[in-house]
C-alpha cells in the first residue's frame, strides 16, 4: 500500500491470516489488548523501529494506533489500523509489522 508522505489521520485495512488454517482463513477476535500482539513501524530515515501503541479503535474513526476488527463473523481476519502520523512524516517509505498474537 502506498501512502503520501506527510499524510495524517490515515486508517488502513489489514488482513491477519490464521496460521492454523489450511484454507487461508483470517484470524478473528483479536483486540488491541490481545495477549502478545505488538506493532512496530520503521521509516527509511530512522535508525531503529518505533512501537505503535495499540488502543481500542472505533471502526471508521481515526485514532493513532487504533485497532479494531471489521466484522469477526462475516469478515474474520480483517482489521482497521490507525497509522501514527509520525510514521508518515519521516523517510521515503514506512514498513508496519503486527505480530505475536497466539493463533
PDB file of N, CA and C in Angstrom:
ATOM      1  N   UNK A   1       0.834  -1.164   0.000  1.00  0.00           N
ATOM      2  CA  UNK A   1       0.000   0.000   0.000  1.00  0.00           C
ATOM      3  C   UNK A   1       0.881   1.229   0.000  1.00  0.00           C
ATOM      4  N   UNK A   2       0.580   2.171  -0.797  1.00  0.00           N
ATOM      5  CA  UNK A   2       1.348   3.407  -0.861  1.00  0.00           C
ATOM      6  C   UNK A   2       0.550   4.504  -0.179  1.00  0.00           C
ATOM      7  N   UNK A   3       1.278   5.291   0.607  1.00  0.00           N
ATOM      8  CA  UNK A   3       0.681   6.415   1.302  1.00  0.00           C
ATOM      9  C   UNK A   3       1.494   7.658   1.004  1.00  0.00           C
ATOM     10  N   UNK A   4       0.841   8.775   0.852  1.00  0.00           N
ATOM     11  CA  UNK A   4       1.536  10.022   0.579  1.00  0.00           C
ATOM     12  C   UNK A   4       2.271  10.486   1.821  1.00  0.00           C
ATOM     13  N   UNK A   5       3.541  10.803   1.645  1.00  0.00           N
ATOM     14  CA  UNK A   5       4.355  11.318   2.743  1.00  0.00           C
ATOM     15  C   UNK A   5       3.706  12.576   3.301  1.00  0.00           C
ATOM     16  N   UNK A   6       3.636  12.666   4.610  1.00  0.00           N
ATOM     17  CA  UNK A   6       3.034  13.817   5.263  1.00  0.00           C
ATOM     18  C   UNK A   6       1.539  13.671   5.493  1.00  0.00           C
ATOM     19  N   UNK A   7       0.961  12.553   5.069  1.00  0.00           N
ATOM     20  CA  UNK A   7      -0.467  12.329   5.311  1.00  0.00           C
ATOM     21  C   UNK A   7      -0.724  12.239   6.811  1.00  0.00           C
ATOM     22  N   UNK A   8      -1.916  12.592   7.210  1.00  0.00           N
ATOM     23  CA  UNK A   8      -2.299  12.490   8.615  1.00  0.00           C
ATOM     24  C   UNK A   8      -3.647  11.782   8.725  1.00  0.00           C
ATOM     25  N   UNK A   9      -3.898  11.255   9.899  1.00  0.00           N
ATOM     26  CA  UNK A   9      -5.178  10.594  10.210  1.00  0.00           C
ATOM     27  C   UNK A   9      -5.516   9.487   9.216  1.00  0.00           C
ATOM     28  N   UNK A  10      -4.519   8.655   8.916  1.00  0.00           N
ATOM     29  CA  UNK A  10      -4.693   7.590   7.928  1.00  0.00           C
ATOM     30  C   UNK A  10      -5.118   6.298   8.621  1.00  0.00           C
ATOM     31  N   UNK A  11      -6.187   5.700   8.116  1.00  0.00           N
ATOM     32  CA  UNK A  11      -6.639   4.378   8.561  1.00  0.00           C
ATOM     33  C   UNK A  11      -6.470   3.427   7.390  1.00  0.00           C
ATOM     34  N   UNK A  12      -6.031   2.200   7.682  1.00  0.00           N
ATOM     35  CA  UNK A  12      -5.890   1.213   6.625  1.00  0.00           C
ATOM     36  C   UNK A  12      -6.427  -0.126   7.089  1.00  0.00           C
ATOM     37  N   UNK A  13      -6.999  -0.851   6.140  1.00  0.00           N
ATOM     38  CA  UNK A  13      -7.471  -2.204   6.407  1.00  0.00           C
ATOM     39  C   UNK A  13      -6.312  -3.163   6.247  1.00  0.00           C
ATOM     40  N   UNK A  14      -6.220  -4.115   7.151  1.00  0.00           N
ATOM     41  CA  UNK A  14      -5.178  -5.129   7.082  1.00  0.00           C
ATOM     42  C   UNK A  14      -5.824  -6.491   7.280  1.00  0.00           C
ATOM     43  N   UNK A  15      -5.200  -7.501   6.724  1.00  0.00           N
ATOM     44  CA  UNK A  15      -5.680  -8.869   6.886  1.00  0.00           C
ATOM     45  C   UNK A  15      -4.658  -9.648   7.696  1.00  0.00           C
ATOM     46  N   UNK A  16      -5.125 -10.358   8.716  1.00  0.00           N
ATOM     47  CA  UNK A  16      -4.267 -11.200   9.533  1.00  0.00           C
ATOM     48  C   UNK A  16      -4.743 -12.640   9.353  1.00  0.00           C
ATOM     49  N   UNK A  17      -3.874 -13.447   8.766  1.00  0.00           N
ATOM     50  CA  UNK A  17      -4.220 -14.835   8.471  1.00  0.00           C
ATOM     51  C   UNK A  17      -4.159 -15.701   9.726  1.00  0.00           C
ATOM     52  N   UNK A  18      -4.978 -16.728   9.735  1.00  0.00           N
ATOM     53  CA  UNK A  18      -4.960 -17.739  10.783  1.00  0.00           C
ATOM     54  C   UNK A  18      -3.940 -18.798  10.354  1.00  0.00           C
ATOM     55  N   UNK A  19      -2.805 -18.843  11.038  1.00  0.00           N
ATOM     56  CA  UNK A  19      -1.733 -19.745  10.596  1.00  0.00           C
ATOM     57  C   UNK A  19      -2.080 -21.223  10.776  1.00  0.00           C
ATOM     58  N   UNK A  20      -3.127 -21.525  11.532  1.00  0.00           N
ATOM     59  CA  UNK A  20      -3.530 -22.919  11.695  1.00  0.00           C
ATOM     60  C   UNK A  20      -4.511 -23.370  10.608  1.00  0.00           C
ATOM     61  N   UNK A  21      -4.921 -22.437   9.761  1.00  0.00           N
ATOM     62  CA  UNK A  21      -5.888 -22.753   8.708  1.00  0.00           C
ATOM     63  C   UNK A  21      -5.165 -23.203   7.442  1.00  0.00           C
ATOM     64  N   UNK A  22      -5.728 -24.213   6.796  1.00  0.00           N
ATOM     65  CA  UNK A  22      -5.191 -24.660   5.511  1.00  0.00           C
ATOM     66  C   UNK A  22      -5.966 -24.059   4.344  1.00  0.00           C
ATOM     67  N   UNK A  23      -6.962 -23.211   4.664  1.00  0.00           N
ATOM     68  CA  UNK A  23      -7.798 -22.624   3.625  1.00  0.00           C
ATOM     69  C   UNK A  23      -7.566 -21.136   3.430  1.00  0.00           C
ATOM     70  N   UNK A  24      -6.624 -20.548   4.198  1.00  0.00           N
ATOM     71  CA  UNK A  24      -6.366 -19.115   4.076  1.00  0.00           C
ATOM     72  C   UNK A  24      -7.316 -18.255   4.881  1.00  0.00           C
ATOM     73  N   UNK A  25      -7.984 -18.858   5.847  1.00  0.00           N
ATOM     74  CA  UNK A  25      -8.944 -18.117   6.672  1.00  0.00           C
ATOM     75  C   UNK A  25      -8.239 -17.056   7.502  1.00  0.00           C
ATOM     76  N   UNK A  26      -8.996 -16.039   7.883  1.00  0.00           N
ATOM     77  CA  UNK A  26      -8.469 -14.972   8.713  1.00  0.00           C
ATOM     78  C   UNK A  26      -8.571 -15.306  10.191  1.00  0.00           C
ATOM     79  N   UNK A  27      -7.716 -14.675  10.981  1.00  0.00           N
ATOM     80  CA  UNK A  27      -7.707 -14.852  12.429  1.00  0.00           C
ATOM     81  C   UNK A  27      -8.670 -13.849  13.051  1.00  0.00           C
ATOM     82  N   UNK A  28      -9.749 -14.341  13.620  1.00  0.00           N
ATOM     83  CA  UNK A  28     -10.786 -13.484  14.189  1.00  0.00           C
ATOM     84  C   UNK A  28     -10.530 -13.221  15.670  1.00  0.00           C
ATOM     85  N   UNK A  29     -11.241 -12.244  16.175  1.00  0.00           N
ATOM     86  CA  UNK A  29     -11.347 -11.937  17.602  1.00  0.00           C
ATOM     87  C   UNK A  29     -10.099 -11.349  18.244  1.00  0.00           C
ATOM     88  N   UNK A  30      -9.208 -10.758  17.447  1.00  0.00           N
ATOM     89  CA  UNK A  30      -8.103 -10.028  18.049  1.00  0.00           C
ATOM     90  C   UNK A  30      -8.595  -8.657  18.503  1.00  0.00           C
ATOM     91  N   UNK A  31      -7.982  -8.150  19.557  1.00  0.00           N
ATOM     92  CA  UNK A  31      -8.247  -6.789  20.029  1.00  0.00           C
ATOM     93  C   UNK A  31      -6.904  -6.128  20.294  1.00  0.00           C
ATOM     94  N   UNK A  32      -6.934  -4.855  20.568  1.00  0.00           N
ATOM     95  CA  UNK A  32      -5.689  -4.147  20.881  1.00  0.00           C
ATOM     96  C   UNK A  32      -5.033  -4.706  22.135  1.00  0.00           C
ATOM     97  N   UNK A  33      -5.809  -5.372  22.973  1.00  0.00           N
ATOM     98  CA  UNK A  33      -5.277  -5.954  24.197  1.00  0.00           C
ATOM     99  C   UNK A  33      -4.989  -7.442  24.111  1.00  0.00           C
ATOM    100  N   UNK A  34      -5.056  -8.019  22.925  1.00  0.00           N
ATOM    101  CA  UNK A  34      -4.792  -9.449  22.774  1.00  0.00           C
ATOM    102  C   UNK A  34      -3.378  -9.780  23.250  1.00  0.00           C
ATOM    103  N   UNK A  35      -3.276 -10.838  24.005  1.00  0.00           N
ATOM    104  CA  UNK A  35      -2.000 -11.257  24.574  1.00  0.00           C
ATOM    105  C   UNK A  35      -0.936 -11.429  23.494  1.00  0.00           C
ATOM    106  N   UNK A  36       0.173 -10.760  23.663  1.00  0.00           N
ATOM    107  CA  UNK A  36       1.309 -10.904  22.759  1.00  0.00           C
ATOM    108  C   UNK A  36       1.274 -10.028  21.522  1.00  0.00           C
ATOM    109  N   UNK A  37       0.127  -9.422  21.192  1.00  0.00           N
ATOM    110  CA  UNK A  37       0.020  -8.626  19.966  1.00  0.00           C
ATOM    111  C   UNK A  37       0.797  -7.318  20.120  1.00  0.00           C
ATOM    112  N   UNK A  38       1.747  -7.108  19.211  1.00  0.00           N
ATOM    113  CA  UNK A  38       2.534  -5.880  19.196  1.00  0.00           C
ATOM    114  C   UNK A  38       2.610  -5.356  17.767  1.00  0.00           C
ATOM    115  N   UNK A  39       2.879  -4.067  17.647  1.00  0.00           N
ATOM    116  CA  UNK A  39       3.007  -3.446  16.331  1.00  0.00           C
ATOM    117  C   UNK A  39       4.178  -2.466  16.352  1.00  0.00           C
ATOM    118  N   UNK A  40       4.872  -2.415  15.233  1.00  0.00           N
ATOM    119  CA  UNK A  40       6.014  -1.518  15.078  1.00  0.00           C
ATOM    120  C   UNK A  40       5.991  -0.914  13.684  1.00  0.00           C
ATOM    121  N   UNK A  41       6.640   0.251  13.547  1.00  0.00           N
ATOM    122  CA  UNK A  41       6.898   0.772  12.210  1.00  0.00           C
ATOM    123  C   UNK A  41       8.366   1.150  12.093  1.00  0.00           C
ATOM    124  N   UNK A  42       8.816   1.173  10.857  1.00  0.00           N
ATOM    125  CA  UNK A  42      10.186   1.583  10.548  1.00  0.00           C
ATOM    126  C   UNK A  42      10.141   2.428   9.292  1.00  0.00           C
ATOM    127  N   UNK A  43      10.700   3.623   9.370  1.00  0.00           N
ATOM    128  CA  UNK A  43      10.763   4.517   8.215  1.00  0.00           C
ATOM    129  C   UNK A  43      12.200   4.584   7.721  1.00  0.00           C
ATOM    130  N   UNK A  44      12.353   4.904   6.446  1.00  0.00           N
ATOM    131  CA  UNK A  44      13.653   4.865   5.786  1.00  0.00           C
ATOM    132  C   UNK A  44      14.748   5.701   6.409  1.00  0.00           C
ATOM    133  N   UNK A  45      14.407   6.774   7.108  1.00  0.00           N
ATOM    134  CA  UNK A  45      15.462   7.609   7.668  1.00  0.00           C
ATOM    135  C   UNK A  45      15.626   7.432   9.180  1.00  0.00           C
ATOM    136  N   UNK A  46      15.058   6.375   9.726  1.00  0.00           N
ATOM    137  CA  UNK A  46      15.203   6.097  11.151  1.00  0.00           C
ATOM    138  C   UNK A  46      16.322   5.090  11.367  1.00  0.00           C
ATOM    139  N   UNK A  47      16.855   5.072  12.572  1.00  0.00           N
ATOM    140  CA  UNK A  47      17.917   4.107  12.879  1.00  0.00           C
ATOM    141  C   UNK A  47      17.394   2.894  13.623  1.00  0.00           C
ATOM    142  N   UNK A  48      16.131   2.930  14.033  1.00  0.00           N
ATOM    143  CA  UNK A  48      15.533   1.771  14.698  1.00  0.00           C
ATOM    144  C   UNK A  48      14.006   1.832  14.556  1.00  0.00           C
ATOM    145  N   UNK A  49      13.377   0.714  14.889  1.00  0.00           N
ATOM    146  CA  UNK A  49      11.926   0.625  14.783  1.00  0.00           C
ATOM    147  C   UNK A  49      11.275   1.415  15.926  1.00  0.00           C
ATOM    148  N   UNK A  50       9.994   1.753  15.717  1.00  0.00           N
ATOM    149  CA  UNK A  50       9.226   2.512  16.702  1.00  0.00           C
ATOM    150  C   UNK A  50       7.966   1.720  17.032  1.00  0.00           C
ATOM    151  N   UNK A  51       7.688   1.549  18.314  1.00  0.00           N
ATOM    152  CA  UNK A  51       6.497   0.817  18.729  1.00  0.00           C
ATOM    153  C   UNK A  51       5.243   1.632  18.395  1.00  0.00           C
ATOM    154  N   UNK A  52       4.222   0.940  17.958  1.00  0.00           N
ATOM    155  CA  UNK A  52       2.895   1.552  17.797  1.00  0.00           C
ATOM    156  C   UNK A  52       2.089   1.122  19.009  1.00  0.00           C
ATOM    157  N   UNK A  53       1.686   2.058  19.814  1.00  0.00           N
ATOM    158  CA  UNK A  53       0.876   1.746  20.988  1.00  0.00           C
ATOM    159  C   UNK A  53      -0.551   1.473  20.535  1.00  0.00           C
ATOM    160  N   UNK A  54      -0.913   0.203  20.508  1.00  0.00           N
ATOM    161  CA  UNK A  54      -2.255  -0.179  20.072  1.00  0.00           C
ATOM    162  C   UNK A  54      -3.276   0.199  21.133  1.00  0.00           C
ATOM    163  N   UNK A  55      -4.430   0.650  20.657  1.00  0.00           N
ATOM    164  CA  UNK A  55      -5.530   1.002  21.549  1.00  0.00           C
ATOM    165  C   UNK A  55      -6.834   0.559  20.895  1.00  0.00           C
ATOM    166  N   UNK A  56      -7.871   0.476  21.689  1.00  0.00           N
ATOM    167  CA  UNK A  56      -9.177   0.097  21.147  1.00  0.00           C
ATOM    168  C   UNK A  56      -9.631   1.175  20.169  1.00  0.00           C
ATOM    169  N   UNK A  57      -9.922   0.755  18.948  1.00  0.00           N
ATOM    170  CA  UNK A  57     -10.367   1.700  17.932  1.00  0.00           C
ATOM    171  C   UNK A  57     -11.862   1.622  17.713  1.00  0.00           C
ATOM    172  N   UNK A  58     -12.372   2.579  16.964  1.00  0.00           N
ATOM    173  CA  UNK A  58     -13.767   2.605  16.529  1.00  0.00           C
ATOM    174  C   UNK A  58     -13.755   2.547  15.015  1.00  0.00           C
ATOM    175  N   UNK A  59     -14.399   1.556  14.465  1.00  0.00           N
ATOM    176  CA  UNK A  59     -14.400   1.356  13.015  1.00  0.00           C
ATOM    177  C   UNK A  59     -14.841   2.631  12.305  1.00  0.00           C
ATOM    178  N   UNK A  60     -14.025   3.062  11.347  1.00  0.00           N
ATOM    179  CA  UNK A  60     -14.348   4.248  10.558  1.00  0.00           C
ATOM    180  C   UNK A  60     -13.895   5.556  11.167  1.00  0.00           C
ATOM    181  N   UNK A  61     -13.265   5.508  12.331  1.00  0.00           N
ATOM    182  CA  UNK A  61     -12.811   6.722  13.018  1.00  0.00           C
ATOM    183  C   UNK A  61     -11.323   6.615  13.294  1.00  0.00           C
ATOM    184  N   UNK A  62     -10.563   7.635  12.932  1.00  0.00           N
ATOM    185  CA  UNK A  62      -9.120   7.600  13.142  1.00  0.00           C
ATOM    186  C   UNK A  62      -8.762   7.821  14.607  1.00  0.00           C
ATOM    187  N   UNK A  63      -7.858   6.999  15.081  1.00  0.00           N
ATOM    188  CA  UNK A  63      -7.121   7.255  16.316  1.00  0.00           C
ATOM    189  C   UNK A  63      -5.760   6.599  16.138  1.00  0.00           C
ATOM    190  N   UNK A  64      -4.715   7.279  16.574  1.00  0.00           N
ATOM    191  CA  UNK A  64      -3.367   6.767  16.402  1.00  0.00           C
ATOM    192  C   UNK A  64      -3.219   5.436  17.125  1.00  0.00           C
ATOM    193  N   UNK A  65      -2.868   4.390  16.389  1.00  0.00           N
ATOM    194  CA  UNK A  65      -2.742   3.057  16.966  1.00  0.00           C
ATOM    195  C   UNK A  65      -4.073   2.367  17.199  1.00  0.00           C
ATOM    196  N   UNK A  66      -5.167   2.991  16.785  1.00  0.00           N
ATOM    197  CA  UNK A  66      -6.490   2.384  16.948  1.00  0.00           C
ATOM    198  C   UNK A  66      -6.575   1.087  16.164  1.00  0.00           C
ATOM    199  N   UNK A  67      -6.992   0.030  16.814  1.00  0.00           N
ATOM    200  CA  UNK A  67      -7.041  -1.298  16.203  1.00  0.00           C
ATOM    201  C   UNK A  67      -8.410  -1.882  16.486  1.00  0.00           C
ATOM    202  N   UNK A  68      -9.124  -2.255  15.433  1.00  0.00           N
ATOM    203  CA  UNK A  68     -10.476  -2.770  15.601  1.00  0.00           C
ATOM    204  C   UNK A  68     -10.802  -3.766  14.494  1.00  0.00           C
ATOM    205  N   UNK A  69     -11.526  -4.819  14.852  1.00  0.00           N
ATOM    206  CA  UNK A  69     -11.982  -5.802  13.868  1.00  0.00           C
ATOM    207  C   UNK A  69     -13.076  -5.190  13.008  1.00  0.00           C
ATOM    208  N   UNK A  70     -13.075  -5.538  11.728  1.00  0.00           N
ATOM    209  CA  UNK A  70     -14.137  -5.083  10.837  1.00  0.00           C
ATOM    210  C   UNK A  70     -15.425  -5.828  11.163  1.00  0.00           C
ATOM    211  N   UNK A  71     -15.382  -7.153  11.168  1.00  0.00           N
ATOM    212  CA  UNK A  71     -16.543  -7.985  11.498  1.00  0.00           C
ATOM    213  C   UNK A  71     -16.035  -9.408  11.713  1.00  0.00           C
ATOM    214  N   UNK A  72     -15.962  -9.835  12.953  1.00  0.00           N
ATOM    215  CA  UNK A  72     -15.397 -11.148  13.270  1.00  0.00           C
ATOM    216  C   UNK A  72     -16.198 -12.315  12.709  1.00  0.00           C
ATOM    217  N   UNK A  73     -17.464 -12.099  12.413  1.00  0.00           N
ATOM    218  CA  UNK A  73     -18.311 -13.166  11.885  1.00  0.00           C
ATOM    219  C   UNK A  73     -18.244 -13.240  10.367  1.00  0.00           C
ATOM    220  N   UNK A  74     -18.478 -12.121   9.711  1.00  0.00           N
ATOM    221  CA  UNK A  74     -18.578 -12.109   8.255  1.00  0.00           C
ATOM    222  C   UNK A  74     -17.279 -11.805   7.531  1.00  0.00           C
ATOM    223  N   UNK A  75     -16.316 -11.182   8.223  1.00  0.00           N
ATOM    224  CA  UNK A  75     -15.019 -10.861   7.624  1.00  0.00           C
ATOM    225  C   UNK A  75     -13.898 -11.158   8.610  1.00  0.00           C
ATOM    226  N   UNK A  76     -13.804 -12.409   9.077  1.00  0.00           N
ATOM    227  CA  UNK A  76     -12.781 -12.739  10.068  1.00  0.00           C
ATOM    228  C   UNK A  76     -11.372 -12.484   9.528  1.00  0.00           C
ATOM    229  N   UNK A  77     -10.553 -11.861  10.350  1.00  0.00           N
ATOM    230  CA  UNK A  77      -9.186 -11.580   9.960  1.00  0.00           C
ATOM    231  C   UNK A  77      -8.950 -10.178   9.431  1.00  0.00           C
ATOM    232  N   UNK A  78     -10.018  -9.448   9.144  1.00  0.00           N
ATOM    233  CA  UNK A  78      -9.879  -8.077   8.648  1.00  0.00           C
ATOM    234  C   UNK A  78      -9.967  -7.103   9.807  1.00  0.00           C
ATOM    235  N   UNK A  79      -8.996  -6.182   9.849  1.00  0.00           N
ATOM    236  CA  UNK A  79      -8.895  -5.199  10.927  1.00  0.00           C
ATOM    237  C   UNK A  79      -8.583  -3.829  10.334  1.00  0.00           C
ATOM    238  N   UNK A  80      -8.941  -2.803  11.078  1.00  0.00           N
ATOM    239  CA  UNK A  80      -8.594  -1.441  10.694  1.00  0.00           C
ATOM    240  C   UNK A  80      -7.543  -0.934  11.683  1.00  0.00           C
ATOM    241  N   UNK A  81      -6.490  -0.303  11.156  1.00  0.00           N
ATOM    242  CA  UNK A  81      -5.402   0.216  11.977  1.00  0.00           C
ATOM    243  C   UNK A  81      -5.227   1.699  11.695  1.00  0.00           C
ATOM    244  N   UNK A  82      -5.171   2.494  12.756  1.00  0.00           N
ATOM    245  CA  UNK A  82      -4.863   3.924  12.632  1.00  0.00           C
ATOM    246  C   UNK A  82      -3.353   4.091  12.647  1.00  0.00           C
ATOM    247  N   UNK A  83      -2.785   4.490  11.527  1.00  0.00           N
ATOM    248  CA  UNK A  83      -1.335   4.614  11.398  1.00  0.00           C
ATOM    249  C   UNK A  83      -0.892   5.919  12.063  1.00  0.00           C
ATOM    250  N   UNK A  84       0.052   5.843  12.994  1.00  0.00           N
ATOM    251  CA  UNK A  84       0.505   7.064  13.674  1.00  0.00           C
ATOM    252  C   UNK A  84       1.014   8.111  12.672  1.00  0.00           C
ATOM    253  N   UNK A  85       0.647   9.359  12.885  1.00  0.00           N
ATOM    254  CA  UNK A  85       1.079  10.426  11.988  1.00  0.00           C
ATOM    255  C   UNK A  85       2.600  10.490  11.879  1.00  0.00           C
ATOM    256  N   UNK A  86       3.305  10.249  12.967  1.00  0.00           N
ATOM    257  CA  UNK A  86       4.770  10.295  12.940  1.00  0.00           C
ATOM    258  C   UNK A  86       5.358   9.251  11.993  1.00  0.00           C
ATOM    259  N   UNK A  87       4.641   8.172  11.754  1.00  0.00           N
ATOM    260  CA  UNK A  87       5.145   7.140  10.843  1.00  0.00           C
ATOM    261  C   UNK A  87       5.183   7.650   9.411  1.00  0.00           C
ATOM    262  N   UNK A  88       4.369   8.645   9.116  1.00  0.00           N
ATOM    263  CA  UNK A  88       4.254   9.121   7.739  1.00  0.00           C
ATOM    264  C   UNK A  88       4.983  10.433   7.492  1.00  0.00           C
ATOM    265  N   UNK A  89       5.563  11.033   8.537  1.00  0.00           N
ATOM    266  CA  UNK A  89       6.212  12.328   8.316  1.00  0.00           C
ATOM    267  C   UNK A  89       7.712  12.222   8.119  1.00  0.00           C
ATOM    268  N   UNK A  90       8.254  11.002   8.171  1.00  0.00           N
ATOM    269  CA  UNK A  90       9.696  10.842   8.024  1.00  0.00           C
ATOM    270  C   UNK A  90      10.011   9.777   6.990  1.00  0.00           C
ATOM    271  N   UNK A  91      11.110   9.966   6.289  1.00  0.00           N
ATOM    272  CA  UNK A  91      11.561   8.940   5.359  1.00  0.00           C
ATOM    273  C   UNK A  91      10.746   8.870   4.085  1.00  0.00           C
ATOM    274  N   UNK A  92      11.213   8.047   3.182  1.00  0.00           N
ATOM    275  CA  UNK A  92      10.534   7.866   1.910  1.00  0.00           C
ATOM    276  C   UNK A  92       9.559   6.708   1.934  1.00  0.00           C
ATOM    277  N   UNK A  93       9.798   5.755   2.826  1.00  0.00           N
ATOM    278  CA  UNK A  93       8.941   4.584   2.926  1.00  0.00           C
ATOM    279  C   UNK A  93       8.719   4.282   4.400  1.00  0.00           C
ATOM    280  N   UNK A  94       7.652   3.548   4.674  1.00  0.00           N
ATOM    281  CA  UNK A  94       7.436   3.077   6.035  1.00  0.00           C
ATOM    282  C   UNK A  94       6.930   1.634   5.959  1.00  0.00           C
ATOM    283  N   UNK A  95       7.458   0.803   6.841  1.00  0.00           N
ATOM    284  CA  UNK A  95       7.002  -0.579   6.952  1.00  0.00           C
ATOM    285  C   UNK A  95       6.324  -0.728   8.302  1.00  0.00           C
ATOM    286  N   UNK A  96       5.221  -1.458   8.317  1.00  0.00           N
ATOM    287  CA  UNK A  96       4.481  -1.688   9.547  1.00  0.00           C
ATOM    288  C   UNK A  96       4.361  -3.190   9.748  1.00  0.00           C
ATOM    289  N   UNK A  97       4.613  -3.636  10.980  1.00  0.00           N
ATOM    290  CA  UNK A  97       4.515  -5.052  11.293  1.00  0.00           C
ATOM    291  C   UNK A  97       3.667  -5.253  12.543  1.00  0.00           C
ATOM    292  N   UNK A  98       2.722  -6.188  12.451  1.00  0.00           N
ATOM    293  CA  UNK A  98       1.983  -6.665  13.607  1.00  0.00           C
ATOM    294  C   UNK A  98       2.365  -8.126  13.794  1.00  0.00           C
ATOM    295  N   UNK A  99       2.589  -8.524  15.035  1.00  0.00           N
ATOM    296  CA  UNK A  99       2.977  -9.912  15.277  1.00  0.00           C
ATOM    297  C   UNK A  99       2.699 -10.276  16.732  1.00  0.00           C
ATOM    298  N   UNK A 100       2.845 -11.573  17.007  1.00  0.00           N
ATOM    299  CA  UNK A 100       2.856 -12.044  18.375  1.00  0.00           C
ATOM    300  C   UNK A 100       1.569 -12.596  18.947  1.00  0.00           C
ATOM    301  N   UNK A 101       0.448 -12.403  18.278  1.00  0.00           N
ATOM    302  CA  UNK A 101      -0.810 -12.916  18.809  1.00  0.00           C
ATOM    303  C   UNK A 101      -0.834 -14.428  18.684  1.00  0.00           C
ATOM    304  N   UNK A 102      -1.267 -15.078  19.735  1.00  0.00           N
ATOM    305  CA  UNK A 102      -1.353 -16.538  19.714  1.00  0.00           C
ATOM    306  C   UNK A 102      -2.455 -16.974  18.770  1.00  0.00           C
ATOM    307  N   UNK A 103      -2.150 -17.969  17.966  1.00  0.00           N
ATOM    308  CA  UNK A 103      -3.109 -18.467  16.989  1.00  0.00           C
ATOM    309  C   UNK A 103      -3.720 -19.747  17.490  1.00  0.00           C
TER     310      UNK A 103
END
